Amino acid sequence: MFKTNVGGLDRGARIAAGLALLGLAVTGSIGTWGYIGLVPLATGLMGSCPLYALFGFSTCPLKS
């Protein structure tokens, strides 16, 4: 579907941040805006970021 443009470290950080925000939102610690954590979680799980694609950016290692 989308070209992979999110590298391993970036993916891990996105997934961790997304889960943290969602966890805080579910417990009511930060309010409903914490559900924005769905965005980094989804892009981390898919391995593709639409904004990276728009700007031609990639954190994936170069393939030889």
N, C-alpha and C. Protein backbone atom coordinates (compact mmCIF):
# COMPACT_ATOMS: atom_id res chain seq x y z
N MET A 1 0.83 -1.18 0.00
CA MET A 1 0.00 0.00 0.00
C MET A 1 0.88 1.26 0.00
N PHE A 2 1.53 1.54 1.12
CA PHE A 2 2.43 2.68 1.22
C PHE A 2 3.86 2.17 1.26
N LYS A 3 4.77 2.97 0.75
CA LYS A 3 6.19 2.63 0.79
C LYS A 3 6.70 2.79 2.22
N THR A 4 7.47 1.84 2.71
CA THR A 4 8.03 1.92 4.05
C THR A 4 9.06 3.05 4.09
N ASN A 5 8.84 3.99 5.01
CA ASN A 5 9.77 5.11 5.13
C ASN A 5 10.08 5.44 6.60
N VAL A 6 9.70 4.54 7.50
CA VAL A 6 9.95 4.73 8.93
C VAL A 6 10.88 3.61 9.39
N GLY A 7 12.08 3.97 9.86
CA GLY A 7 13.08 3.00 10.30
C GLY A 7 12.76 2.39 11.65
N GLY A 8 13.57 1.44 12.07
CA GLY A 8 13.35 0.68 13.29
C GLY A 8 13.28 1.52 14.56
N LEU A 9 14.25 2.38 14.78
CA LEU A 9 14.26 3.21 15.99
C LEU A 9 13.08 4.18 15.98
N ASP A 10 12.81 4.75 14.83
CA ASP A 10 11.68 5.68 14.67
C ASP A 10 10.36 4.95 14.93
N ARG A 11 10.24 3.74 14.41
CA ARG A 11 9.02 2.95 14.62
C ARG A 11 8.80 2.66 16.10
N GLY A 12 9.87 2.25 16.78
CA GLY A 12 9.75 1.95 18.20
C GLY A 12 9.34 3.17 19.01
N ALA A 13 9.92 4.32 18.68
CA ALA A 13 9.58 5.55 19.39
C ALA A 13 8.13 5.95 19.13
N ARG A 14 7.68 5.80 17.89
CA ARG A 14 6.29 6.13 17.56
C ARG A 14 5.31 5.22 18.29
N ILE A 15 5.61 3.93 18.31
CA ILE A 15 4.72 2.98 18.98
C ILE A 15 4.69 3.26 20.48
N ALA A 16 5.84 3.50 21.08
CA ALA A 16 5.90 3.79 22.52
C ALA A 16 5.14 5.07 22.86
N ALA A 17 5.37 6.11 22.06
CA ALA A 17 4.69 7.39 22.32
C ALA A 17 3.18 7.25 22.14
N GLY A 18 2.78 6.53 21.09
CA GLY A 18 1.35 6.33 20.84
C GLY A 18 0.68 5.57 21.97
N LEU A 19 1.33 4.49 22.42
CA LEU A 19 0.76 3.71 23.52
C LEU A 19 0.71 4.52 24.82
N ALA A 20 1.74 5.31 25.07
CA ALA A 20 1.77 6.14 26.28
C ALA A 20 0.64 7.16 26.25
N LEU A 21 0.48 7.85 25.13
CA LEU A 21 -0.59 8.84 25.03
C LEU A 21 -1.97 8.20 25.17
N LEU A 22 -2.16 7.08 24.52
CA LEU A 22 -3.45 6.39 24.62
C LEU A 22 -3.71 5.91 26.04
N GLY A 23 -2.68 5.38 26.69
CA GLY A 23 -2.85 4.94 28.07
C GLY A 23 -3.23 6.08 28.99
N LEU A 24 -2.59 7.22 28.81
CA LEU A 24 -2.91 8.39 29.63
C LEU A 24 -4.31 8.92 29.33
N ALA A 25 -4.72 8.84 28.07
CA ALA A 25 -6.06 9.29 27.71
C ALA A 25 -7.13 8.37 28.28
N VAL A 26 -6.88 7.07 28.22
CA VAL A 26 -7.86 6.11 28.73
C VAL A 26 -8.04 6.25 30.24
N THR A 27 -6.95 6.52 30.95
CA THR A 27 -7.05 6.67 32.40
C THR A 27 -7.55 8.05 32.81
N GLY A 28 -7.69 8.96 31.85
CA GLY A 28 -8.19 10.29 32.16
C GLY A 28 -7.13 11.25 32.66
N SER A 29 -5.88 10.87 32.59
CA SER A 29 -4.81 11.71 33.11
C SER A 29 -4.58 12.97 32.27
N ILE A 30 -4.76 12.89 30.96
CA ILE A 30 -4.47 14.04 30.11
C ILE A 30 -5.66 14.49 29.28
N GLY A 31 -6.78 13.88 29.43
CA GLY A 31 -7.95 14.29 28.67
C GLY A 31 -8.05 13.61 27.32
N THR A 32 -9.05 14.02 26.58
CA THR A 32 -9.34 13.34 25.32
C THR A 32 -8.33 13.63 24.22
N TRP A 33 -7.57 14.71 24.33
CA TRP A 33 -6.58 15.00 23.28
C TRP A 33 -5.51 13.91 23.21
N GLY A 34 -5.38 13.11 24.24
CA GLY A 34 -4.40 12.03 24.24
C GLY A 34 -4.69 10.96 23.20
N TYR A 35 -5.93 10.94 22.69
CA TYR A 35 -6.26 9.97 21.65
C TYR A 35 -5.56 10.28 20.34
N ILE A 36 -4.89 11.42 20.27
CA ILE A 36 -4.05 11.74 19.11
C ILE A 36 -2.91 10.71 19.02
N GLY A 37 -2.69 9.97 20.10
CA GLY A 37 -1.69 8.90 20.11
C GLY A 37 -1.97 7.81 19.09
N LEU A 38 -3.19 7.79 18.56
CA LEU A 38 -3.51 6.83 17.50
C LEU A 38 -2.68 7.09 16.25
N VAL A 39 -2.33 8.35 16.01
CA VAL A 39 -1.57 8.69 14.80
C VAL A 39 -0.15 8.10 14.85
N PRO A 40 0.65 8.40 15.90
CA PRO A 40 1.99 7.79 15.90
C PRO A 40 1.94 6.26 16.03
N LEU A 41 0.94 5.75 16.74
CA LEU A 41 0.82 4.30 16.86
C LEU A 41 0.55 3.67 15.49
N ALA A 42 -0.37 4.23 14.74
CA ALA A 42 -0.70 3.68 13.41
C ALA A 42 0.48 3.79 12.45
N THR A 43 1.14 4.94 12.43
CA THR A 43 2.27 5.09 11.51
C THR A 43 3.43 4.20 11.91
N GLY A 44 3.60 3.98 13.21
CA GLY A 44 4.65 3.08 13.67
C GLY A 44 4.36 1.64 13.29
N LEU A 45 3.12 1.22 13.45
CA LEU A 45 2.75 -0.16 13.12
C LEU A 45 2.78 -0.40 11.61
N MET A 46 2.37 0.61 10.83
CA MET A 46 2.38 0.46 9.37
C MET A 46 3.78 0.60 8.79
N GLY A 47 4.64 1.34 9.48
CA GLY A 47 5.99 1.58 8.96
C GLY A 47 6.03 2.63 7.87
N SER A 48 4.96 3.38 7.76
CA SER A 48 4.88 4.40 6.73
C SER A 48 4.24 5.66 7.30
N CYS A 49 4.86 6.80 7.01
CA CYS A 49 4.35 8.08 7.48
C CYS A 49 4.00 8.94 6.26
N PRO A 50 2.74 9.34 6.12
CA PRO A 50 2.35 10.16 4.97
C PRO A 50 3.10 11.48 4.89
N LEU A 51 3.41 12.11 6.01
CA LEU A 51 4.16 13.36 5.98
C LEU A 51 5.59 13.15 5.49
N TYR A 52 6.19 12.04 5.90
CA TYR A 52 7.53 11.71 5.39
C TYR A 52 7.48 11.57 3.87
N ALA A 53 6.46 10.87 3.37
CA ALA A 53 6.33 10.67 1.93
C ALA A 53 6.12 12.01 1.21
N LEU A 54 5.32 12.88 1.80
CA LEU A 54 5.04 14.18 1.19
C LEU A 54 6.31 15.00 1.03
N PHE A 55 7.19 14.94 2.02
CA PHE A 55 8.42 15.72 1.98
C PHE A 55 9.63 14.93 1.48
N GLY A 56 9.44 13.68 1.08
CA GLY A 56 10.53 12.87 0.54
C GLY A 56 11.55 12.47 1.59
N PHE A 57 11.13 12.30 2.83
CA PHE A 57 12.00 11.98 3.94
C PHE A 57 11.86 10.50 4.28
N SER A 58 12.94 9.89 4.79
CA SER A 58 12.88 8.49 5.20
C SER A 58 13.91 8.25 6.31
N THR A 59 13.53 7.45 7.29
CA THR A 59 14.47 7.07 8.35
C THR A 59 14.89 5.61 8.21
N CYS A 60 14.48 4.97 7.11
CA CYS A 60 14.90 3.60 6.84
C CYS A 60 16.36 3.58 6.42
N PRO A 61 17.06 2.52 6.80
CA PRO A 61 18.46 2.40 6.36
C PRO A 61 18.52 2.26 4.83
N LEU A 62 19.58 2.77 4.27
CA LEU A 62 19.77 2.67 2.82
C LEU A 62 20.01 1.23 2.42
N LYS A 63 19.40 0.83 1.33
CA LYS A 63 19.59 -0.52 0.81
C LYS A 63 20.72 -0.49 -0.21
N SER A 64 21.60 -1.49 -0.14
CA SER A 64 22.73 -1.51 -1.08
C SER A 64 22.40 -2.18 -2.38
